[in-house]
Amino acid sequence: MTTWNLLDLDRALRASWAADTCSPDNQDDWVPANPAWGHCDVTALIVNDVFGGDLVVGEVYLDGVQHGFHWWNRLASGVELDLTREQFLRGQSITAARVVERPPGPLPRRWDEYLVLRERVEGLLGKLPEPV
């Protein structure tokens, strides 16, 4: 069995983010200078594939207006891990955080982007554990 550490996974994810793995809602604003933009949900799912734990979702606000949701991870140790937090460069705030269950089976909305990102990460690290 292959083992990874968080630094390996973080580097592989960052090398794999691109416009085609960004959320369709955010693609018009995706730029290489802010590669984490629009990648929080698929990134959190891949971290969950490898390290387990909980998925956490919060609401994103800018100037008092909600602009979608932000996903990150809470590891079994209780440590919260947010590999895409740096995407928020305009002063967005995250509120109303809550743990959510991982959707069973294919993601209803982002399955294609998740598979592309996962395939790229596997190309760098080797086969990842199957989602639970």
Protein backbone atom coordinates (compact mmCIF):
# COMPACT_ATOMS: atom_id res chain seq x y z
CA MET A 1 0.00 0.00 0.00
CA THR A 2 1.30 3.43 -0.94
CA THR A 3 1.36 6.09 1.74
CA TRP A 4 1.26 9.82 1.23
CA ASN A 5 1.80 12.75 3.49
CA LEU A 6 -0.11 15.99 3.39
CA LEU A 7 2.71 17.87 1.71
CA ASP A 8 2.77 15.35 -1.17
CA LEU A 9 -0.98 15.64 -1.64
CA ASP A 10 -0.94 19.44 -1.40
CA ARG A 11 1.78 19.71 -4.05
CA ALA A 12 -0.01 17.28 -6.38
CA LEU A 13 -3.32 19.14 -6.03
CA ARG A 14 -1.70 22.52 -6.70
CA ALA A 15 0.06 21.13 -9.78
CA SER A 16 -3.26 19.72 -11.02
CA TRP A 17 -5.64 22.67 -10.60
CA ALA A 18 -6.59 24.28 -13.91
CA ALA A 19 -9.48 26.05 -15.61
CA ASP A 20 -11.02 22.72 -16.66
CA THR A 21 -11.20 21.47 -13.04
CA CYS A 22 -12.55 24.77 -11.67
CA SER A 23 -16.23 25.02 -10.80
CA PRO A 24 -18.21 26.04 -13.90
CA ASP A 25 -19.66 28.89 -11.82
CA ASN A 26 -16.15 30.29 -11.34
CA GLN A 27 -14.44 29.51 -14.66
CA ASP A 28 -14.81 33.01 -16.06
CA ASP A 29 -12.80 34.35 -13.11
CA TRP A 30 -10.19 31.55 -12.95
CA VAL A 31 -6.62 32.68 -13.63
CA PRO A 32 -3.28 30.87 -13.15
CA ALA A 33 -2.31 33.55 -10.61
CA ASN A 34 -5.12 32.27 -8.33
CA PRO A 35 -5.20 28.53 -9.14
CA ALA A 36 -7.20 27.51 -6.05
CA TRP A 37 -10.18 29.58 -7.27
CA GLY A 38 -13.23 27.36 -7.73
CA HIS A 39 -11.52 24.17 -6.53
CA CYS A 40 -12.62 23.88 -2.90
CA ASP A 41 -15.23 21.13 -3.25
CA VAL A 42 -13.27 18.77 -5.50
CA THR A 43 -10.10 19.38 -3.48
CA ALA A 44 -11.87 18.65 -0.18
CA LEU A 45 -13.26 15.43 -1.66
CA ILE A 46 -9.82 14.23 -2.75
CA VAL A 47 -8.36 15.07 0.68
CA ASN A 48 -11.27 13.08 2.14
CA ASP A 49 -10.45 10.17 -0.21
CA VAL A 50 -6.91 10.02 1.16
CA PHE A 51 -7.21 11.06 4.81
CA GLY A 52 -10.89 10.54 5.68
CA GLY A 53 -12.42 12.77 8.33
CA ASP A 54 -15.31 15.18 7.82
CA LEU A 55 -16.30 17.50 5.02
CA VAL A 56 -17.09 21.03 6.19
CA VAL A 57 -19.12 23.56 4.19
CA GLY A 58 -19.57 27.25 4.90
CA GLU A 59 -21.29 30.15 3.18
CA VAL A 60 -19.13 32.69 1.30
CA TYR A 61 -20.01 36.37 1.67
CA LEU A 62 -18.61 39.48 0.04
CA ASP A 63 -19.96 42.89 1.03
CA GLY A 64 -22.88 41.24 2.82
CA VAL A 65 -24.00 39.24 -0.24
CA GLN A 66 -23.71 35.47 -0.39
CA HIS A 67 -21.49 34.22 -3.21
CA GLY A 68 -21.82 30.45 -2.94
CA PHE A 69 -20.26 27.94 -0.59
CA HIS A 70 -16.77 26.92 0.50
CA TRP A 71 -15.68 23.36 1.34
CA TRP A 72 -12.76 22.14 3.47
CA ASN A 73 -11.80 19.20 5.67
CA ARG A 74 -11.77 18.32 9.35
CA LEU A 75 -9.39 15.44 9.94
CA ALA A 76 -10.11 12.72 12.50
CA SER A 77 -7.68 14.48 14.86
CA GLY A 78 -10.00 17.52 14.86
CA VAL A 79 -7.58 19.64 12.82
CA GLU A 80 -9.32 21.70 10.14
CA LEU A 81 -7.52 21.68 6.82
CA ASP A 82 -8.38 24.17 4.08
CA LEU A 83 -6.09 23.80 1.07
CA THR A 84 -7.97 26.36 -1.04
CA ARG A 85 -8.57 29.18 1.46
CA GLU A 86 -6.07 31.44 -0.32
CA GLN A 87 -8.47 31.75 -3.27
CA PHE A 88 -10.36 34.49 -1.43
CA LEU A 89 -8.43 37.62 -2.36
CA ARG A 90 -11.25 40.17 -2.24
CA GLY A 91 -12.02 40.03 1.49
CA GLN A 92 -14.66 37.32 1.36
CA SER A 93 -15.79 35.87 4.69
CA ILE A 94 -16.87 32.33 5.44
CA THR A 95 -19.75 31.81 7.88
CA ALA A 96 -22.24 29.16 8.98
CA ALA A 97 -19.75 26.28 8.82
CA ARG A 98 -21.28 22.84 9.19
CA VAL A 99 -20.21 19.24 8.72
CA VAL A 100 -21.92 17.52 5.80
CA GLU A 101 -22.01 13.90 4.74
CA ARG A 102 -20.15 13.01 1.61
CA PRO A 103 -22.59 12.55 -1.25
CA PRO A 104 -22.86 8.84 -2.11
CA GLY A 105 -21.75 7.78 -5.57
CA PRO A 106 -21.05 10.28 -8.35
CA LEU A 107 -21.25 13.92 -7.37
CA PRO A 108 -24.43 15.38 -8.75
CA ARG A 109 -22.78 18.46 -10.19
CA ARG A 110 -18.99 18.26 -10.24
CA TRP A 111 -18.29 14.62 -11.09
CA ASP A 112 -16.40 15.32 -14.32
CA GLU A 113 -14.10 17.93 -12.75
CA TYR A 114 -13.51 15.67 -9.72
CA LEU A 115 -12.51 12.77 -11.97
CA VAL A 116 -10.14 14.92 -14.04
CA LEU A 117 -8.50 16.39 -10.92
CA ARG A 118 -8.26 12.97 -9.26
CA GLU A 119 -6.69 11.46 -12.40
CA ARG A 120 -4.07 14.22 -12.52
CA VAL A 121 -3.24 13.78 -8.83
CA GLU A 122 -2.95 10.01 -9.34
CA GLY A 123 -0.60 10.67 -12.25
CA LEU A 124 1.69 12.45 -9.82
CA LEU A 125 1.24 10.27 -6.71
CA GLY A 126 -0.03 6.90 -7.87
CA LYS A 127 -3.39 5.26 -7.23
CA LEU A 128 -5.45 6.97 -4.52
CA PRO A 129 -7.79 5.13 -2.14
CA GLU A 130 -11.33 4.73 -3.45
CA PRO A 131 -13.88 7.15 -1.98
CA VAL A 132 -15.72 5.81 1.05
